[in-house]
C-alpha atoms as a PDB file:
ATOM      1  CA  MET A   1     -70.422 236.226  80.520  1.00  0.00           C
ATOM      2  CA  HIS A   2     -67.495 234.211  81.877  1.00  0.00           C
ATOM      3  CA  GLY A   3     -69.799 232.006  83.968  1.00  0.00           C
ATOM      4  CA  GLU A   4     -72.151 231.511  81.043  1.00  0.00           C
ATOM      5  CA  VAL A   5     -69.326 230.422  78.760  1.00  0.00           C
ATOM      6  CA  ASN A   6     -67.889 228.012  81.332  1.00  0.00           C
ATOM      7  CA  LYS A   7     -71.343 226.546  81.919  1.00  0.00           C
ATOM      8  CA  ARG A   8     -71.955 226.070  78.208  1.00  0.00           C
ATOM      9  CA  ARG A   9     -68.460 224.678  77.624  1.00  0.00           C
ATOM     10  CA  LYS A  10     -69.659 221.424  79.186  1.00  0.00           C
ATOM     11  CA  ASN A  11     -72.235 221.029  76.411  1.00  0.00           C
ATOM     12  CA  ARG A  12     -71.332 218.936  73.416  1.00  0.00           C
ATOM     13  CA  ARG A  13     -71.552 220.222  69.868  1.00  0.00           C
ATOM     14  CA  PRO A  14     -74.862 219.343  68.156  1.00  0.00           C
ATOM     15  CA  THR A  15     -74.565 216.663  65.482  1.00  0.00           C
ATOM     16  CA  MET A  16     -76.421 215.805  62.278  1.00  0.00           C
ATOM     17  CA  VAL A  17     -78.411 213.288  64.298  1.00  0.00           C
ATOM     18  CA  ASP A  18     -79.633 216.121  66.532  1.00  0.00           C
ATOM     19  CA  VAL A  19     -80.549 218.209  63.481  1.00  0.00           C
ATOM     20  CA  ALA A  20     -82.451 215.279  61.931  1.00  0.00           C
ATOM     21  CA  ARG A  21     -84.362 214.754  65.183  1.00  0.00           C
ATOM     22  CA  GLU A  22     -85.171 218.476  65.500  1.00  0.00           C
ATOM     23  CA  ALA A  23     -86.329 218.724  61.877  1.00  0.00           C
ATOM     24  CA  GLY A  24     -88.179 215.410  61.887  1.00  0.00           C
ATOM     25  CA  VAL A  25     -86.362 214.148  58.805  1.00  0.00           C
ATOM     26  CA  ALA A  26     -83.984 211.343  57.930  1.00  0.00           C
ATOM     27  CA  LEU A  27     -80.275 211.720  58.678  1.00  0.00           C
ATOM     28  CA  ARG A  28     -79.545 211.342  54.960  1.00  0.00           C
ATOM     29  CA  THR A  29     -81.774 214.342  54.225  1.00  0.00           C
ATOM     30  CA  VAL A  30     -79.741 216.490  56.628  1.00  0.00           C
ATOM     31  CA  SER A  31     -76.541 215.332  54.967  1.00  0.00           C
ATOM     32  CA  ARG A  32     -77.875 216.242  51.518  1.00  0.00           C
ATOM     33  CA  VAL A  33     -78.950 219.717  52.675  1.00  0.00           C
ATOM     34  CA  VAL A  34     -75.608 220.393  54.402  1.00  0.00           C
ATOM     35  CA  ASN A  35     -73.832 219.387  51.195  1.00  0.00           C
ATOM     36  CA  ASP A  36     -76.016 221.696  49.075  1.00  0.00           C
ATOM     37  CA  ASP A  37     -77.874 218.955  47.216  1.00  0.00           C
ATOM     38  CA  ALA A  38     -80.292 220.872  44.968  1.00  0.00           C
ATOM     39  CA  THR A  39     -82.616 217.867  44.615  1.00  0.00           C
ATOM     40  CA  VAL A  40     -83.923 218.226  48.186  1.00  0.00           C
ATOM     41  CA  GLY A  41     -87.404 219.712  48.220  1.00  0.00           C
ATOM     42  CA  SER A  42     -87.737 223.309  49.420  1.00  0.00           C
ATOM     43  CA  GLU A  43     -90.018 222.384  52.339  1.00  0.00           C
ATOM     44  CA  LEU A  44     -87.646 219.723  53.650  1.00  0.00           C
ATOM     45  CA  ALA A  45     -84.656 222.004  53.113  1.00  0.00           C
ATOM     46  CA  LYS A  46     -86.335 224.781  55.093  1.00  0.00           C
ATOM     47  CA  ARG A  47     -87.073 222.430  57.999  1.00  0.00           C
ATOM     48  CA  VAL A  48     -83.444 221.351  58.063  1.00  0.00           C
ATOM     49  CA  HIS A  49     -82.132 224.924  57.854  1.00  0.00           C
ATOM     50  CA  ASP A  50     -84.490 225.992  60.654  1.00  0.00           C
ATOM     51  CA  ALA A  51     -83.226 223.121  62.811  1.00  0.00           C
ATOM     52  CA  ILE A  52     -79.616 224.034  62.042  1.00  0.00           C
ATOM     53  CA  ALA A  53     -80.271 227.617  63.140  1.00  0.00           C
ATOM     54  CA  ALA A  54     -82.157 226.550  66.277  1.00  0.00           C
ATOM     55  CA  LEU A  55     -79.373 224.204  67.392  1.00  0.00           C
ATOM     56  CA  ASP A  56     -76.540 226.428  66.116  1.00  0.00           C
ATOM     57  CA  TYR A  57     -75.195 223.367  64.332  1.00  0.00           C
ATOM     58  CA  ARG A  58     -71.871 223.706  62.514  1.00  0.00           C
ATOM     59  CA  PRO A  59     -70.647 220.952  60.187  1.00  0.00           C
ATOM     60  CA  ASP A  60     -67.525 219.022  61.096  1.00  0.00           C
ATOM     61  CA  GLU A  61     -65.195 219.842  58.230  1.00  0.00           C
ATOM     62  CA  ARG A  62     -63.112 216.750  58.943  1.00  0.00           C
ATOM     63  CA  ALA A  63     -66.051 214.409  58.360  1.00  0.00           C
ATOM     64  CA  ARG A  64     -66.939 216.063  55.056  1.00  0.00           C
ATOM     65  CA  HIS A  65     -63.346 215.886  53.883  1.00  0.00           C
ATOM     66  CA  LEU A  66     -63.169 212.231  54.881  1.00  0.00           C
ATOM     67  CA  ARG A  67     -66.183 211.459  52.696  1.00  0.00           C
ATOM     68  CA  LEU A  68     -64.723 213.387  49.771  1.00  0.00           C
ATOM     69  CA  GLY A  69     -61.215 212.030  50.176  1.00  0.00           C
ATOM     70  CA  VAL A  70     -59.682 215.530  50.473  1.00  0.00           C
ATOM     71  CA  THR A  71     -58.739 217.798  53.382  1.00  0.00           C
ATOM     72  CA  GLY A  72     -59.302 221.286  51.991  1.00  0.00           C
ATOM     73  CA  THR A  73     -55.942 222.219  53.491  1.00  0.00           C
ATOM     74  CA  LEU A  74     -52.642 222.907  51.762  1.00  0.00           C
ATOM     75  CA  GLY A  75     -49.233 222.516  53.336  1.00  0.00           C
ATOM     76  CA  ALA A  76     -46.529 225.120  52.827  1.00  0.00           C
ATOM     77  CA  ALA A  77     -43.115 224.021  54.076  1.00  0.00           C
ATOM     78  CA  VAL A  78     -41.038 227.133  53.478  1.00  0.00           C
ATOM     79  CA  ARG A  79     -37.879 228.381  55.144  1.00  0.00           C
ATOM     80  CA  GLN A  80     -39.357 230.935  57.535  1.00  0.00           C
ATOM     81  CA  LEU A  81     -43.068 231.675  57.366  1.00  0.00           C
ATOM     82  CA  SER A  82     -42.805 233.252  60.821  1.00  0.00           C
ATOM     83  CA  HIS A  83     -39.722 235.325  59.985  1.00  0.00           C
ATOM     84  CA  VAL A  84     -41.597 238.638  59.963  1.00  0.00           C
ATOM     85  CA  ASN A  85     -43.721 237.754  63.004  1.00  0.00           C
ATOM     86  CA  PRO A  86     -41.484 237.101  66.025  1.00  0.00           C
ATOM     87  CA  VAL A  87     -44.424 236.153  68.264  1.00  0.00           C
ATOM     88  CA  LEU A  88     -45.548 233.494  65.761  1.00  0.00           C
ATOM     89  CA  ARG A  89     -41.972 232.227  65.651  1.00  0.00           C
ATOM     90  CA  ALA A  90     -41.950 231.951  69.446  1.00  0.00           C
ATOM     91  CA  VAL A  91     -45.358 230.216  69.457  1.00  0.00           C
ATOM     92  CA  GLU A  92     -44.116 227.735  66.882  1.00  0.00           C
ATOM     93  CA  ARG A  93     -40.989 226.905  68.886  1.00  0.00           C
ATOM     94  CA  ALA A  94     -42.898 226.482  72.132  1.00  0.00           C
ATOM     95  CA  ALA A  95     -45.480 224.278  70.403  1.00  0.00           C
ATOM     96  CA  ARG A  96     -42.782 222.145  68.813  1.00  0.00           C
ATOM     97  CA  ALA A  97     -41.189 221.602  72.239  1.00  0.00           C
ATOM     98  CA  ALA A  98     -44.592 220.340  73.439  1.00  0.00           C
ATOM     99  CA  ASP A  99     -44.868 218.012  70.411  1.00  0.00           C
ATOM    100  CA  LEU A 100     -47.596 220.161  68.834  1.00  0.00           C
ATOM    101  CA  MET A 101     -47.829 221.290  65.223  1.00  0.00           C
ATOM    102  CA  VAL A 102     -48.843 224.854  64.322  1.00  0.00           C
ATOM    103  CA  LEU A 103     -50.607 225.573  61.020  1.00  0.00           C
ATOM    104  CA  ALA A 104     -50.656 229.364  60.619  1.00  0.00           C
ATOM    105  CA  ALA A 105     -52.702 231.668  58.402  1.00  0.00           C
ATOM    106  CA  SER A 106     -52.502 235.429  57.939  1.00  0.00           C
ATOM    107  CA  THR A 107     -55.522 237.673  58.538  1.00  0.00           C
ATOM    108  CA  GLU A 108     -53.892 240.770  56.986  1.00  0.00           C
ATOM    109  CA  ASP A 109     -55.629 243.141  59.434  1.00  0.00           C
ATOM    110  CA  ASP A 110     -58.924 242.325  57.673  1.00  0.00           C
ATOM    111  CA  GLU A 111     -61.872 241.568  59.990  1.00  0.00           C
ATOM    112  CA  ARG A 112     -63.755 239.530  57.387  1.00  0.00           C
ATOM    113  CA  LEU A 113     -60.682 237.481  56.530  1.00  0.00           C
ATOM    114  CA  GLU A 114     -59.983 236.932  60.219  1.00  0.00           C
ATOM    115  CA  ARG A 115     -63.458 235.490  60.746  1.00  0.00           C
ATOM    116  CA  ARG A 116     -63.119 233.305  57.666  1.00  0.00           C
ATOM    117  CA  VAL A 117     -59.773 231.940  58.860  1.00  0.00           C
ATOM    118  CA  VAL A 118     -60.888 231.335  62.452  1.00  0.00           C
ATOM    119  CA  GLU A 119     -64.166 229.694  61.466  1.00  0.00           C
ATOM    120  CA  SER A 120     -62.279 227.415  59.085  1.00  0.00           C
ATOM    121  CA  MET A 121     -59.981 226.383  61.936  1.00  0.00           C
ATOM    122  CA  CYS A 122     -63.005 225.744  64.147  1.00  0.00           C
ATOM    123  CA  ARG A 123     -64.620 223.525  61.501  1.00  0.00           C
ATOM    124  CA  ARG A 124     -61.425 221.524  61.281  1.00  0.00           C
ATOM    125  CA  ARG A 125     -61.607 220.936  65.035  1.00  0.00           C
ATOM    126  CA  PHE A 126     -58.093 222.135  65.839  1.00  0.00           C
ATOM    127  CA  ASP A 127     -57.041 221.271  69.395  1.00  0.00           C
ATOM    128  CA  GLY A 128     -56.691 224.981  70.078  1.00  0.00           C
ATOM    129  CA  ILE A 129     -56.215 228.347  68.400  1.00  0.00           C
ATOM    130  CA  VAL A 130     -53.764 231.149  69.118  1.00  0.00           C
ATOM    131  CA  LEU A 131     -55.376 234.361  67.864  1.00  0.00           C
ATOM    132  CA  GLU A 132     -53.963 237.837  67.314  1.00  0.00           C
ATOM    133  CA  PRO A 133     -57.406 239.481  67.175  1.00  0.00           C
ATOM    134  CA  ILE A 134     -58.304 242.209  64.709  1.00  0.00           C
ATOM    135  CA  GLY A 135     -62.096 242.343  64.628  1.00  0.00           C
ATOM    136  CA  ALA A 136     -64.211 244.253  67.139  1.00  0.00           C
ATOM    137  CA  ASP A 137     -66.939 241.590  67.286  1.00  0.00           C
ATOM    138  CA  HIS A 138     -66.045 237.982  68.038  1.00  0.00           C
ATOM    139  CA  GLY A 139     -69.507 236.934  69.159  1.00  0.00           C
ATOM    140  CA  TYR A 140     -69.479 234.221  66.504  1.00  0.00           C
ATOM    141  CA  LEU A 141     -67.011 232.352  68.722  1.00  0.00           C
ATOM    142  CA  LEU A 142     -69.404 231.999  71.667  1.00  0.00           C
ATOM    143  CA  PRO A 143     -70.901 228.687  70.434  1.00  0.00           C
ATOM    144  CA  GLU A 144     -67.398 227.352  69.773  1.00  0.00           C
ATOM    145  CA  LEU A 145     -66.204 228.305  73.261  1.00  0.00           C
ATOM    146  CA  ALA A 146     -69.341 226.755  74.732  1.00  0.00           C
ATOM    147  CA  ALA A 147     -68.620 223.551  72.804  1.00  0.00           C
ATOM    148  CA  GLY A 148     -65.069 223.354  74.120  1.00  0.00           C
ATOM    149  CA  LEU A 149     -62.868 225.459  71.861  1.00  0.00           C
ATOM    150  CA  SER A 150     -59.524 226.284  73.496  1.00  0.00           C
ATOM    151  CA  LEU A 151     -58.529 229.813  72.526  1.00  0.00           C
ATOM    152  CA  VAL A 152     -55.674 232.088  73.597  1.00  0.00           C
ATOM    153  CA  ALA A 153     -55.286 235.679  72.409  1.00  0.00           C
ATOM    154  CA  VAL A 154     -51.843 237.226  71.973  1.00  0.00           C
ATOM    155  CA  ASP A 155     -50.834 240.897  71.766  1.00  0.00           C
ATOM    156  CA  ARG A 156     -54.390 242.030  72.558  1.00  0.00           C
ATOM    157  CA  PRO A 157     -57.507 240.586  74.242  1.00  0.00           C
ATOM    158  CA  VAL A 158     -60.566 239.345  72.381  1.00  0.00           C
ATOM    159  CA  LEU A 159     -62.950 242.213  73.127  1.00  0.00           C
ATOM    160  CA  GLY A 160     -66.304 241.129  74.518  1.00  0.00           C
ATOM    161  CA  LEU A 161     -65.217 237.577  75.350  1.00  0.00           C
ATOM    162  CA  GLU A 162     -63.603 236.124  78.459  1.00  0.00           C
ATOM    163  CA  VAL A 163     -60.681 234.147  77.051  1.00  0.00           C
ATOM    164  CA  ASP A 164     -57.067 233.659  78.085  1.00  0.00           C
ATOM    165  CA  CYS A 165     -54.672 236.255  76.703  1.00  0.00           C
ATOM    166  CA  VAL A 166     -51.031 237.322  76.759  1.00  0.00           C
ATOM    167  CA  ILE A 167     -50.159 240.979  76.189  1.00  0.00           C
ATOM    168  CA  SER A 168     -47.132 243.226  76.577  1.00  0.00           C
ATOM    169  CA  ASP A 169     -47.038 246.058  79.091  1.00  0.00           C
ATOM    170  CA  ASN A 170     -47.818 248.746  76.521  1.00  0.00           C
ATOM    171  CA  MET A 171     -48.315 251.544  79.032  1.00  0.00           C
ATOM    172  CA  ALA A 172     -45.006 250.936  80.800  1.00  0.00           C
ATOM    173  CA  GLY A 173     -43.233 250.774  77.439  1.00  0.00           C
ATOM    174  CA  ILE A 174     -44.517 254.153  76.253  1.00  0.00           C
ATOM    175  CA  GLN A 175     -43.843 255.717  79.648  1.00  0.00           C
ATOM    176  CA  ALA A 176     -40.256 254.441  79.500  1.00  0.00           C
ATOM    177  CA  ALA A 177     -39.792 255.800  75.969  1.00  0.00           C
ATOM    178  CA  TYR A 178     -41.190 259.216  76.912  1.00  0.00           C
ATOM    179  CA  GLY A 179     -39.128 259.412  80.091  1.00  0.00           C
ATOM    180  CA  HIS A 180     -35.997 258.420  78.204  1.00  0.00           C
ATOM    181  CA  LEU A 181     -36.429 261.222  75.676  1.00  0.00           C
ATOM    182  CA  THR A 182     -37.212 263.869  78.281  1.00  0.00           C
ATOM    183  CA  ALA A 183     -34.124 262.792  80.225  1.00  0.00           C
ATOM    184  CA  HIS A 184     -32.101 263.642  77.112  1.00  0.00           C
ATOM    185  CA  GLY A 185     -33.531 267.141  76.936  1.00  0.00           C
ATOM    186  CA  HIS A 186     -36.546 266.759  74.631  1.00  0.00           C
ATOM    187  CA  ARG A 187     -39.692 268.721  75.493  1.00  0.00           C
ATOM    188  CA  ARG A 188     -41.652 268.513  72.237  1.00  0.00           C
ATOM    189  CA  ILE A 189     -42.108 264.814  71.519  1.00  0.00           C
ATOM    190  CA  ALA A 190     -44.427 263.417  68.852  1.00  0.00           C
ATOM    191  CA  TYR A 191     -46.119 260.042  68.632  1.00  0.00           C
ATOM    192  CA  ILE A 192     -46.797 258.276  65.314  1.00  0.00           C
ATOM    193  CA  GLY A 193     -48.820 255.109  65.767  1.00  0.00           C
ATOM    194  CA  ASP A 194     -51.140 252.546  64.231  1.00  0.00           C
ATOM    195  CA  ASP A 195     -54.915 252.717  63.763  1.00  0.00           C
ATOM    196  CA  GLU A 196     -56.536 253.083  67.196  1.00  0.00           C
ATOM    197  CA  ARG A 197     -59.263 250.591  66.348  1.00  0.00           C
ATOM    198  CA  ILE A 198     -56.546 248.069  67.227  1.00  0.00           C
ATOM    199  CA  PHE A 199     -56.250 247.475  70.970  1.00  0.00           C
ATOM    200  CA  THR A 200     -52.459 247.812  71.184  1.00  0.00           C
ATOM    201  CA  ALA A 201     -52.480 251.025  69.128  1.00  0.00           C
ATOM    202  CA  GLN A 202     -55.150 252.530  71.339  1.00  0.00           C
ATOM    203  CA  GLU A 203     -53.283 251.535  74.520  1.00  0.00           C
ATOM    204  CA  ARG A 204     -49.986 252.987  73.325  1.00  0.00           C
ATOM    205  CA  ALA A 205     -51.519 256.224  72.075  1.00  0.00           C
ATOM    206  CA  SER A 206     -53.423 256.654  75.335  1.00  0.00           C
ATOM    207  CA  ALA A 207     -50.261 256.040  77.345  1.00  0.00           C
ATOM    208  CA  PHE A 208     -48.453 258.687  75.289  1.00  0.00           C
ATOM    209  CA  ARG A 209     -51.223 261.251  75.862  1.00  0.00           C
ATOM    210  CA  ALA A 210     -51.128 260.510  79.589  1.00  0.00           C
ATOM    211  CA  SER A 211     -47.330 260.900  79.664  1.00  0.00           C
ATOM    212  CA  VAL A 212     -47.498 264.287  77.943  1.00  0.00           C
ATOM    213  CA  ALA A 213     -50.299 265.471  80.225  1.00  0.00           C
ATOM    214  CA  GLY A 214     -48.353 264.309  83.279  1.00  0.00           C
ATOM    215  CA  ALA A 215     -45.367 266.366  82.162  1.00  0.00           C
ATOM    216  CA  GLY A 216     -47.523 269.431  81.544  1.00  0.00           C
ATOM    217  CA  GLY A 217     -46.886 269.409  77.805  1.00  0.00           C
ATOM    218  CA  GLY A 218     -49.152 270.121  74.840  1.00  0.00           C
ATOM    219  CA  LEU A 219     -50.595 267.597  72.394  1.00  0.00           C
ATOM    220  CA  ASP A 220     -51.382 269.892  69.458  1.00  0.00           C
ATOM    221  CA  GLY A 221     -49.875 268.357  66.322  1.00  0.00           C
ATOM    222  CA  MET A 222     -48.019 265.737  68.355  1.00  0.00           C
ATOM    223  CA  VAL A 223     -50.275 262.635  68.132  1.00  0.00           C
ATOM    224  CA  HIS A 224     -50.711 260.938  64.758  1.00  0.00           C
ATOM    225  CA  THR A 225     -52.484 257.590  64.514  1.00  0.00           C
ATOM    226  CA  GLY A 226     -53.972 255.775  61.538  1.00  0.00           C
ATOM    227  CA  PRO A 227     -53.326 253.059  58.976  1.00  0.00           C
ATOM    228  CA  ILE A 228     -49.756 252.011  58.269  1.00  0.00           C
ATOM    229  CA  GLU A 229     -49.344 253.816  54.963  1.00  0.00           C
ATOM    230  CA  PRO A 230     -46.047 255.474  53.951  1.00  0.00           C
ATOM    231  CA  GLY A 231     -47.778 258.638  52.766  1.00  0.00           C
ATOM    232  CA  ARG A 232     -49.757 259.041  55.980  1.00  0.00           C
ATOM    233  CA  ILE A 233     -46.637 258.510  58.113  1.00  0.00           C
ATOM    234  CA  ALA A 234     -44.577 260.949  56.027  1.00  0.00           C
ATOM    235  CA  ARG A 235     -47.257 263.620  56.452  1.00  0.00           C
ATOM    236  CA  ALA A 236     -47.381 262.980  60.198  1.00  0.00           C
ATOM    237  CA  LEU A 237     -43.610 263.406  60.437  1.00  0.00           C
ATOM    238  CA  THR A 238     -43.763 266.693  58.511  1.00  0.00           C
ATOM    239  CA  THR A 239     -46.546 268.002  60.756  1.00  0.00           C
ATOM    240  CA  ALA A 240     -44.661 266.994  63.901  1.00  0.00           C
ATOM    241  CA  ARG A 241     -41.537 268.807  62.736  1.00  0.00           C
ATOM    242  CA  ALA A 242     -43.535 271.896  61.855  1.00  0.00           C
ATOM    243  CA  GLY A 243     -44.957 271.820  65.380  1.00  0.00           C
ATOM    244  CA  GLY A 244     -41.488 271.927  66.876  1.00  0.00           C
ATOM    245  CA  ALA A 245     -41.044 268.240  67.716  1.00  0.00           C
ATOM    246  CA  THR A 246     -37.418 267.234  68.292  1.00  0.00           C
ATOM    247  CA  ALA A 247     -38.156 263.570  69.010  1.00  0.00           C
ATOM    248  CA  VAL A 248     -40.668 260.929  68.010  1.00  0.00           C
ATOM    249  CA  ILE A 249     -41.968 257.698  69.517  1.00  0.00           C
ATOM    250  CA  THR A 250     -43.284 255.165  67.012  1.00  0.00           C
ATOM    251  CA  GLY A 251     -46.066 252.665  67.633  1.00  0.00           C
ATOM    252  CA  ASN A 252     -44.487 249.607  66.018  1.00  0.00           C
ATOM    253  CA  ALA A 253     -41.501 248.381  63.994  1.00  0.00           C
ATOM    254  CA  THR A 254     -43.055 249.016  60.581  1.00  0.00           C
ATOM    255  CA  ILE A 255     -43.759 252.644  61.455  1.00  0.00           C
ATOM    256  CA  SER A 256     -40.200 252.987  62.771  1.00  0.00           C
ATOM    257  CA  VAL A 257     -38.840 252.014  59.350  1.00  0.00           C
ATOM    258  CA  GLU A 258     -41.033 254.604  57.617  1.00  0.00           C
ATOM    259  CA  VAL A 259     -40.024 257.332  60.083  1.00  0.00           C
ATOM    260  CA  VAL A 260     -36.330 256.570  59.598  1.00  0.00           C
ATOM    261  CA  ARG A 261     -36.865 256.565  55.826  1.00  0.00           C
ATOM    262  CA  GLY A 262     -38.497 259.977  56.043  1.00  0.00           C
ATOM    263  CA  SER A 263     -35.767 261.519  58.161  1.00  0.00           C
ATOM    264  CA  ASP A 264     -33.313 263.975  56.637  1.00  0.00           C
ATOM    265  CA  ASP A 265     -30.162 265.742  57.848  1.00  0.00           C
ATOM    266  CA  ARG A 266     -32.131 267.269  60.717  1.00  0.00           C
ATOM    267  CA  ARG A 267     -32.721 263.843  62.229  1.00  0.00           C
ATOM    268  CA  MET A 268     -35.053 263.692  65.173  1.00  0.00           C
ATOM    269  CA  ALA A 269     -34.372 261.469  68.144  1.00  0.00           C
ATOM    270  CA  ILE A 270     -36.389 258.253  67.712  1.00  0.00           C
ATOM    271  CA  VAL A 271     -37.580 255.555  70.089  1.00  0.00           C
ATOM    272  CA  GLY A 272     -39.487 252.723  68.425  1.00  0.00           C
ATOM    273  CA  PHE A 273     -41.954 250.303  69.995  1.00  0.00           C
ATOM    274  CA  ASP A 274     -40.933 246.766  68.925  1.00  0.00           C
ATOM    275  CA  ASP A 275     -37.476 245.523  68.126  1.00  0.00           C
ATOM    276  CA  SER A 276     -36.422 244.183  64.736  1.00  0.00           C
ATOM    277  CA  GLU A 277     -33.345 242.963  62.909  1.00  0.00           C
ATOM    278  CA  LEU A 278     -33.232 246.269  61.023  1.00  0.00           C
ATOM    279  CA  ALA A 279     -32.854 248.211  64.259  1.00  0.00           C
ATOM    280  CA  THR A 280     -29.138 247.514  64.477  1.00  0.00           C
ATOM    281  CA  LEU A 281     -28.444 248.245  60.801  1.00  0.00           C
ATOM    282  CA  LEU A 282     -29.189 251.939  61.136  1.00  0.00           C
ATOM    283  CA  ARG A 283     -26.802 254.773  62.005  1.00  0.00           C
ATOM    284  CA  PRO A 284     -27.235 255.416  64.806  1.00  0.00           C
ATOM    285  CA  ASP A 285     -28.835 252.132  65.802  1.00  0.00           C
ATOM    286  CA  LEU A 286     -32.484 252.367  66.786  1.00  0.00           C
ATOM    287  CA  THR A 287     -33.410 252.710  70.443  1.00  0.00           C
ATOM    288  CA  VAL A 288     -36.469 250.525  71.046  1.00  0.00           C
ATOM    289  CA  VAL A 289     -38.981 249.315  73.571  1.00  0.00           C
ATOM    290  CA  ALA A 290     -38.516 245.577  73.101  1.00  0.00           C
ATOM    291  CA  GLN A 291     -41.270 243.063  73.728  1.00  0.00           C
ATOM    292  CA  ASP A 292     -40.321 239.659  75.128  1.00  0.00           C
ATOM    293  CA  ASP A 293     -41.524 237.593  72.168  1.00  0.00           C
ATOM    294  CA  GLN A 294     -40.172 234.336  73.586  1.00  0.00           C
ATOM    295  CA  ALA A 295     -42.075 234.814  76.840  1.00  0.00           C
ATOM    296  CA  ILE A 296     -45.267 235.736  74.953  1.00  0.00           C
ATOM    297  CA  GLY A 297     -45.075 232.657  72.710  1.00  0.00           C
ATOM    298  CA  ALA A 298     -44.191 230.236  75.507  1.00  0.00           C
ATOM    299  CA  THR A 299     -46.908 231.644  77.796  1.00  0.00           C
ATOM    300  CA  ALA A 300     -49.515 231.397  75.025  1.00  0.00           C
ATOM    301  CA  ILE A 301     -48.780 227.702  74.489  1.00  0.00           C
ATOM    302  CA  ASP A 302     -48.758 227.030  78.252  1.00  0.00           C
ATOM    303  CA  LEU A 303     -52.163 228.689  78.602  1.00  0.00           C
ATOM    304  CA  LEU A 304     -53.529 226.816  75.605  1.00  0.00           C
ATOM    305  CA  ARG A 305     -52.385 223.435  76.947  1.00  0.00           C
ATOM    306  CA  SER A 306     -53.861 224.250  80.354  1.00  0.00           C
ATOM    307  CA  ARG A 307     -57.168 225.225  78.761  1.00  0.00           C
ATOM    308  CA  ILE A 308     -57.245 222.025  76.685  1.00  0.00           C
ATOM    309  CA  ALA A 309     -56.662 220.003  79.853  1.00  0.00           C
ATOM    310  CA  ASP A 310     -59.271 221.888  81.910  1.00  0.00           C
ATOM    311  CA  HIS A 311     -61.909 223.960  80.119  1.00  0.00           C
ATOM    312  CA  GLY A 312     -63.454 225.039  83.412  1.00  0.00           C
ATOM    313  CA  ARG A 313     -60.429 226.739  84.925  1.00  0.00           C
ATOM    314  CA  PRO A 314     -60.493 230.535  85.509  1.00  0.00           C
ATOM    315  CA  VAL A 315     -59.615 232.778  82.596  1.00  0.00           C
ATOM    316  CA  THR A 316     -56.034 234.053  82.810  1.00  0.00           C
ATOM    317  CA  ARG A 317     -54.599 237.327  81.530  1.00  0.00           C
ATOM    318  CA  VAL A 318     -50.812 237.638  81.564  1.00  0.00           C
ATOM    319  CA  THR A 319     -48.984 240.946  81.063  1.00  0.00           C
ATOM    320  CA  VAL A 320     -45.381 240.483  79.953  1.00  0.00           C
ATOM    321  CA  PRO A 321     -42.817 243.195  80.876  1.00  0.00           C
ATOM    322  CA  VAL A 322     -41.020 245.165  78.169  1.00  0.00           C
ATOM    323  CA  GLU A 323     -37.477 246.539  78.095  1.00  0.00           C
ATOM    324  CA  LEU A 324     -36.036 249.781  76.723  1.00  0.00           C
ATOM    325  CA  LEU A 325     -32.843 249.133  74.735  1.00  0.00           C
ATOM    326  CA  ALA A 326     -30.776 252.325  74.311  1.00  0.00           C
ATOM    327  CA  ARG A 327     -28.763 252.129  71.094  1.00  0.00           C
ATOM    328  CA  GLY A 328     -28.196 255.675  69.922  1.00  0.00           C
ATOM    329  CA  SER A 329     -31.221 257.102  68.099  1.00  0.00           C
ATOM    330  CA  GLY A 330     -33.074 257.874  71.334  1.00  0.00           C
ATOM    331  CA  GLU A 331     -30.077 259.510  72.948  1.00  0.00           C
ATOM    332  CA  GLN A 332     -29.574 262.285  70.415  1.00  0.00           C
ATOM    333  CA  PRO A 333     -30.006 265.708  72.058  1.00  0.00           C
ATOM    334  CA  PRO A 334     -32.425 268.280  70.658  1.00  0.00           C
ATOM    335  CA  PRO A 335     -30.893 270.560  68.042  1.00  0.00           C
END
């Protein structure tokens, strides 16, 4: 697939002129159909739509906005849009240093919203896109990649497509967390993670299962993955305790907060994946596997600029090391 994409990347995007030629109609007719003019006859409209499908034509949103005198885009200059997303913050800083502007949009872990957001960015002909992928099927991006879209994935790869990506060393992070807890005397360790349809969640859960198996331990009642919902996490914590767990590894910072919230006087030892500002406000402070957000953001922008400069270069996948920060919660001995 990689060779096919690189070959097609040299092709230009089809234009309205190409659609008009394919359909055998006037350019103005294509314009009217694209802009949903109801006065175009059904036969002509069908010929234009057939040509659009055959050529995989996608309107240039910028041209339409220029005709209408609007952009279809709103600006939001707030204090810290990226405050809760450290990787986005790092991407923004690295882009700013390269004299690039980042316009960000949230996909809210919703595959349909992700596609809507990404396709909108494609129509606006952004120089490049940094994507934290959610969906399992990104085939809709193949024509865009073929036409020259520069795309870099962060945190997880774009499944099914050969595109540049930057990820953390999830396996090494979980192995470090597990080894740290066993070194402090824990033998029954639970894992509470995110939905395994997400690449990072699946990688971390798999690494935990492998760590337990390597140590000769049992997994019954010790692995709990699913949506990030307080009720689900509270139930997982209760089940883990009932199964004899004396320590827990969490799959991300949000889950860490819920686990700490659900702890009582019989506090379990905790190691969280992902650092956060809240980690040092707890008592004891939270031991974490910290990702290098600055390196991820800077690498993503470097890869994006390289791809913009040379669409034919080999696809690059960078794995960024993680670091275990011992702060107290992961060093508590078993009761």
